[in-house]
Amino acid sequence: ALPLPILHALGIVVGYISFWVDPKFSRRIRNHLHKSKLAKTSKEHAKLVSLNVRETGKGMLETLSIWMKSERSVLKWVKRCDGWQHVENALAAKKGIIFLT
């Protein structure tokens, strides 16, 4: 079992490999971010694409790990919070959130 920071580092690599070798994947990310109009400039767009690729790769490996680990191991990653204000605080602090349902 890998610690979460190592898993995230590997996920970033997986995200970039997926982006570089799968033209459909990279086209979809670019197009969706362009349509979202979140970026005002091409430099901002490139930054969002990179961030999306990194987070997508991390999410892929997190998902696989959640499926393959015991519930007890996965729960070590979970920080319980009740109330939507915790979500807003995490977003304001630019912290990632994983919703498990």
N, C-alpha and C. Protein backbone atom coordinates (compact mmCIF):
# COMPACT_ATOMS: atom_id res chain seq x y z
N ALA A 1 0.85 -1.19 0.00
CA ALA A 1 0.00 0.00 0.00
C ALA A 1 0.88 1.24 0.00
N LEU A 2 0.61 2.12 -0.92
CA LEU A 2 1.41 3.34 -1.04
C LEU A 2 0.78 4.48 -0.24
N PRO A 3 1.63 5.32 0.35
CA PRO A 3 1.10 6.51 1.02
C PRO A 3 0.45 7.44 -0.02
N LEU A 4 -0.54 8.19 0.41
CA LEU A 4 -1.29 9.05 -0.51
C LEU A 4 -0.39 10.01 -1.31
N PRO A 5 0.61 10.65 -0.72
CA PRO A 5 1.46 11.55 -1.53
C PRO A 5 2.20 10.82 -2.67
N ILE A 6 2.63 9.59 -2.42
CA ILE A 6 3.30 8.80 -3.48
C ILE A 6 2.28 8.44 -4.55
N LEU A 7 1.09 8.03 -4.11
CA LEU A 7 0.01 7.70 -5.05
C LEU A 7 -0.32 8.91 -5.92
N HIS A 8 -0.36 10.08 -5.32
CA HIS A 8 -0.64 11.30 -6.09
C HIS A 8 0.46 11.59 -7.10
N ALA A 9 1.70 11.43 -6.70
CA ALA A 9 2.82 11.67 -7.63
C ALA A 9 2.73 10.72 -8.82
N LEU A 10 2.45 9.45 -8.55
CA LEU A 10 2.29 8.49 -9.64
C LEU A 10 1.07 8.83 -10.50
N GLY A 11 0.02 9.31 -9.87
CA GLY A 11 -1.18 9.69 -10.60
C GLY A 11 -0.92 10.84 -11.56
N ILE A 12 -0.10 11.78 -11.16
CA ILE A 12 0.25 12.89 -12.04
C ILE A 12 0.95 12.35 -13.29
N VAL A 13 1.86 11.41 -13.09
CA VAL A 13 2.57 10.79 -14.22
C VAL A 13 1.56 10.07 -15.12
N VAL A 14 0.65 9.31 -14.53
CA VAL A 14 -0.37 8.59 -15.31
C VAL A 14 -1.24 9.59 -16.09
N GLY A 15 -1.59 10.69 -15.47
CA GLY A 15 -2.39 11.70 -16.14
C GLY A 15 -1.69 12.26 -17.38
N TYR A 16 -0.41 12.60 -17.23
CA TYR A 16 0.33 13.15 -18.37
C TYR A 16 0.56 12.10 -19.46
N ILE A 17 0.85 10.87 -19.07
CA ILE A 17 1.01 9.81 -20.07
C ILE A 17 -0.29 9.64 -20.85
N SER A 18 -1.41 9.60 -20.15
CA SER A 18 -2.71 9.47 -20.80
C SER A 18 -2.94 10.63 -21.77
N PHE A 19 -2.61 11.83 -21.33
CA PHE A 19 -2.81 13.01 -22.16
C PHE A 19 -1.95 12.96 -23.42
N TRP A 20 -0.71 12.50 -23.27
CA TRP A 20 0.22 12.48 -24.41
C TRP A 20 -0.08 11.36 -25.40
N VAL A 21 -0.54 10.22 -24.90
CA VAL A 21 -0.72 9.07 -25.81
C VAL A 21 -2.15 8.89 -26.31
N ASP A 22 -3.11 9.56 -25.73
CA ASP A 22 -4.50 9.39 -26.13
C ASP A 22 -5.05 10.71 -26.68
N PRO A 23 -5.03 10.85 -28.01
CA PRO A 23 -5.48 12.12 -28.59
C PRO A 23 -6.94 12.46 -28.25
N LYS A 24 -7.78 11.45 -28.13
CA LYS A 24 -9.19 11.70 -27.79
C LYS A 24 -9.31 12.30 -26.38
N PHE A 25 -8.55 11.74 -25.45
CA PHE A 25 -8.53 12.22 -24.07
C PHE A 25 -8.05 13.67 -24.02
N SER A 26 -6.93 13.96 -24.69
CA SER A 26 -6.38 15.32 -24.65
C SER A 26 -7.30 16.31 -25.36
N ARG A 27 -7.89 15.91 -26.47
CA ARG A 27 -8.82 16.78 -27.20
C ARG A 27 -10.05 17.09 -26.34
N ARG A 28 -10.55 16.07 -25.65
CA ARG A 28 -11.74 16.26 -24.81
C ARG A 28 -11.44 17.25 -23.68
N ILE A 29 -10.31 17.11 -23.04
CA ILE A 29 -9.95 18.04 -21.96
C ILE A 29 -9.84 19.46 -22.49
N ARG A 30 -9.11 19.62 -23.58
CA ARG A 30 -8.94 20.97 -24.14
C ARG A 30 -10.29 21.57 -24.53
N ASN A 31 -11.11 20.79 -25.23
CA ASN A 31 -12.40 21.30 -25.70
C ASN A 31 -13.34 21.65 -24.56
N HIS A 32 -13.42 20.78 -23.56
CA HIS A 32 -14.33 21.05 -22.44
C HIS A 32 -13.90 22.30 -21.67
N LEU A 33 -12.60 22.45 -21.46
CA LEU A 33 -12.14 23.64 -20.75
C LEU A 33 -12.35 24.90 -21.58
N HIS A 34 -12.17 24.78 -22.89
CA HIS A 34 -12.42 25.93 -23.76
C HIS A 34 -13.90 26.33 -23.70
N LYS A 35 -14.79 25.36 -23.77
CA LYS A 35 -16.23 25.63 -23.73
C LYS A 35 -16.67 26.19 -22.38
N SER A 36 -15.94 25.84 -21.32
CA SER A 36 -16.31 26.33 -19.99
C SER A 36 -16.08 27.83 -19.84
N LYS A 37 -15.20 28.37 -20.68
CA LYS A 37 -14.84 29.79 -20.64
C LYS A 37 -14.27 30.22 -19.28
N LEU A 38 -13.65 29.28 -18.60
CA LEU A 38 -13.01 29.61 -17.32
C LEU A 38 -11.73 30.41 -17.52
N ALA A 39 -11.06 30.17 -18.64
CA ALA A 39 -9.79 30.85 -18.91
C ALA A 39 -10.03 32.05 -19.82
N LYS A 40 -9.41 33.15 -19.48
CA LYS A 40 -9.55 34.37 -20.28
C LYS A 40 -8.47 34.47 -21.36
N THR A 41 -7.33 33.80 -21.12
CA THR A 41 -6.22 33.85 -22.07
C THR A 41 -5.76 32.43 -22.40
N SER A 42 -4.97 32.32 -23.47
CA SER A 42 -4.44 30.99 -23.81
C SER A 42 -3.48 30.48 -22.74
N LYS A 43 -2.78 31.38 -22.08
CA LYS A 43 -1.88 30.97 -20.99
C LYS A 43 -2.69 30.38 -19.83
N GLU A 44 -3.79 31.03 -19.48
CA GLU A 44 -4.67 30.50 -18.42
C GLU A 44 -5.27 29.16 -18.84
N HIS A 45 -5.63 29.04 -20.12
CA HIS A 45 -6.19 27.79 -20.64
C HIS A 45 -5.17 26.66 -20.51
N ALA A 46 -3.93 26.93 -20.90
CA ALA A 46 -2.88 25.91 -20.80
C ALA A 46 -2.66 25.49 -19.34
N LYS A 47 -2.72 26.46 -18.43
CA LYS A 47 -2.55 26.16 -17.01
C LYS A 47 -3.70 25.27 -16.50
N LEU A 48 -4.93 25.58 -16.92
CA LEU A 48 -6.08 24.76 -16.53
C LEU A 48 -6.01 23.36 -17.11
N VAL A 49 -5.55 23.25 -18.36
CA VAL A 49 -5.39 21.93 -18.97
C VAL A 49 -4.40 21.11 -18.15
N SER A 50 -3.27 21.71 -17.81
CA SER A 50 -2.26 21.00 -17.03
C SER A 50 -2.81 20.58 -15.66
N LEU A 51 -3.49 21.49 -14.99
CA LEU A 51 -4.08 21.17 -13.69
C LEU A 51 -5.10 20.04 -13.81
N ASN A 52 -5.91 20.09 -14.86
CA ASN A 52 -6.92 19.06 -15.07
C ASN A 52 -6.28 17.70 -15.32
N VAL A 53 -5.22 17.67 -16.13
CA VAL A 53 -4.52 16.43 -16.42
C VAL A 53 -3.94 15.84 -15.13
N ARG A 54 -3.33 16.68 -14.33
CA ARG A 54 -2.74 16.22 -13.06
C ARG A 54 -3.81 15.64 -12.13
N GLU A 55 -4.90 16.39 -11.95
CA GLU A 55 -5.95 15.96 -11.02
C GLU A 55 -6.69 14.73 -11.54
N THR A 56 -6.85 14.63 -12.85
CA THR A 56 -7.50 13.45 -13.43
C THR A 56 -6.65 12.21 -13.17
N GLY A 57 -5.34 12.32 -13.36
CA GLY A 57 -4.45 11.19 -13.09
C GLY A 57 -4.47 10.79 -11.62
N LYS A 58 -4.45 11.77 -10.74
CA LYS A 58 -4.52 11.47 -9.31
C LYS A 58 -5.84 10.78 -8.98
N GLY A 59 -6.91 11.28 -9.56
CA GLY A 59 -8.23 10.69 -9.33
C GLY A 59 -8.32 9.25 -9.82
N MET A 60 -7.69 8.98 -10.97
CA MET A 60 -7.69 7.61 -11.50
C MET A 60 -7.06 6.65 -10.50
N LEU A 61 -5.88 7.01 -9.99
CA LEU A 61 -5.19 6.11 -9.07
C LEU A 61 -5.87 6.06 -7.71
N GLU A 62 -6.44 7.17 -7.26
CA GLU A 62 -7.20 7.14 -6.01
C GLU A 62 -8.38 6.18 -6.13
N THR A 63 -9.08 6.26 -7.25
CA THR A 63 -10.25 5.39 -7.46
C THR A 63 -9.84 3.93 -7.45
N LEU A 64 -8.78 3.61 -8.18
CA LEU A 64 -8.30 2.22 -8.17
C LEU A 64 -7.91 1.77 -6.77
N SER A 65 -7.24 2.66 -6.05
CA SER A 65 -6.81 2.31 -4.69
C SER A 65 -8.00 2.09 -3.77
N ILE A 66 -9.02 2.94 -3.92
CA ILE A 66 -10.21 2.80 -3.08
C ILE A 66 -10.86 1.44 -3.34
N TRP A 67 -10.92 1.04 -4.61
CA TRP A 67 -11.53 -0.24 -4.95
C TRP A 67 -10.72 -1.41 -4.42
N MET A 68 -9.39 -1.28 -4.39
CA MET A 68 -8.54 -2.43 -4.06
C MET A 68 -8.16 -2.50 -2.59
N LYS A 69 -8.28 -1.42 -1.87
CA LYS A 69 -7.89 -1.42 -0.46
C LYS A 69 -9.06 -1.85 0.41
N SER A 70 -8.71 -2.24 1.60
CA SER A 70 -9.77 -2.56 2.56
C SER A 70 -10.43 -1.26 3.00
N GLU A 71 -11.66 -1.38 3.48
CA GLU A 71 -12.39 -0.20 3.94
C GLU A 71 -11.60 0.50 5.05
N ARG A 72 -11.01 -0.28 5.91
CA ARG A 72 -10.24 0.29 7.03
C ARG A 72 -9.08 1.15 6.53
N SER A 73 -8.38 0.66 5.51
CA SER A 73 -7.26 1.43 4.95
C SER A 73 -7.74 2.71 4.28
N VAL A 74 -8.83 2.61 3.53
CA VAL A 74 -9.35 3.78 2.83
C VAL A 74 -9.83 4.83 3.82
N LEU A 75 -10.44 4.40 4.89
CA LEU A 75 -10.97 5.36 5.87
C LEU A 75 -9.88 6.21 6.51
N LYS A 76 -8.62 5.75 6.45
CA LYS A 76 -7.52 6.56 6.97
C LYS A 76 -7.33 7.82 6.13
N TRP A 77 -7.77 7.77 4.88
CA TRP A 77 -7.66 8.93 4.00
C TRP A 77 -8.80 9.92 4.20
N VAL A 78 -9.87 9.46 4.79
CA VAL A 78 -11.09 10.27 4.87
C VAL A 78 -11.03 11.20 6.07
N LYS A 79 -11.40 12.43 5.81
CA LYS A 79 -11.57 13.40 6.89
C LYS A 79 -13.04 13.71 6.94
N ARG A 80 -13.66 13.34 8.02
CA ARG A 80 -15.10 13.53 8.15
C ARG A 80 -15.41 14.99 8.46
N CYS A 81 -16.43 15.45 7.81
CA CYS A 81 -16.92 16.78 8.13
C CYS A 81 -18.41 16.82 7.81
N ASP A 82 -19.15 17.51 8.63
CA ASP A 82 -20.58 17.67 8.43
C ASP A 82 -20.84 19.15 8.20
N GLY A 83 -21.59 19.44 7.16
CA GLY A 83 -21.93 20.82 6.86
C GLY A 83 -21.23 21.32 5.61
N TRP A 84 -21.98 21.99 4.76
CA TRP A 84 -21.46 22.47 3.48
C TRP A 84 -20.37 23.52 3.66
N GLN A 85 -20.33 24.20 4.79
CA GLN A 85 -19.30 25.23 5.01
C GLN A 85 -17.90 24.63 4.94
N HIS A 86 -17.74 23.35 5.26
CA HIS A 86 -16.42 22.71 5.17
C HIS A 86 -15.99 22.59 3.71
N VAL A 87 -16.93 22.32 2.84
CA VAL A 87 -16.64 22.27 1.41
C VAL A 87 -16.21 23.65 0.92
N GLU A 88 -16.97 24.66 1.29
CA GLU A 88 -16.63 26.02 0.88
C GLU A 88 -15.27 26.45 1.43
N ASN A 89 -14.96 26.09 2.68
CA ASN A 89 -13.66 26.42 3.27
C ASN A 89 -12.52 25.72 2.53
N ALA A 90 -12.71 24.45 2.20
CA ALA A 90 -11.68 23.70 1.48
C ALA A 90 -11.44 24.31 0.10
N LEU A 91 -12.52 24.67 -0.58
CA LEU A 91 -12.38 25.30 -1.89
C LEU A 91 -11.66 26.64 -1.79
N ALA A 92 -12.03 27.42 -0.79
CA ALA A 92 -11.39 28.72 -0.59
C ALA A 92 -9.90 28.57 -0.30
N ALA A 93 -9.53 27.50 0.40
CA ALA A 93 -8.14 27.23 0.72
C ALA A 93 -7.41 26.47 -0.39
N LYS A 94 -8.12 26.23 -1.51
CA LYS A 94 -7.59 25.50 -2.66
C LYS A 94 -7.14 24.10 -2.29
N LYS A 95 -7.92 23.44 -1.42
CA LYS A 95 -7.66 22.07 -1.03
C LYS A 95 -8.59 21.14 -1.80
N GLY A 96 -8.10 19.97 -2.11
CA GLY A 96 -8.92 19.00 -2.84
C GLY A 96 -9.98 18.37 -1.96
N ILE A 97 -11.04 17.95 -2.60
CA ILE A 97 -12.14 17.29 -1.89
C ILE A 97 -12.50 16.04 -2.65
N ILE A 98 -12.68 14.96 -1.93
CA ILE A 98 -13.18 13.72 -2.53
C ILE A 98 -14.48 13.38 -1.85
N PHE A 99 -15.53 13.29 -2.64
CA PHE A 99 -16.83 12.91 -2.11
C PHE A 99 -17.01 11.41 -2.34
N LEU A 100 -17.19 10.66 -1.27
CA LEU A 100 -17.46 9.24 -1.37
C LEU A 100 -18.90 9.02 -0.96
N THR A 101 -19.65 8.38 -1.82
CA THR A 101 -21.06 8.14 -1.48
C THR A 101 -21.36 6.67 -1.56
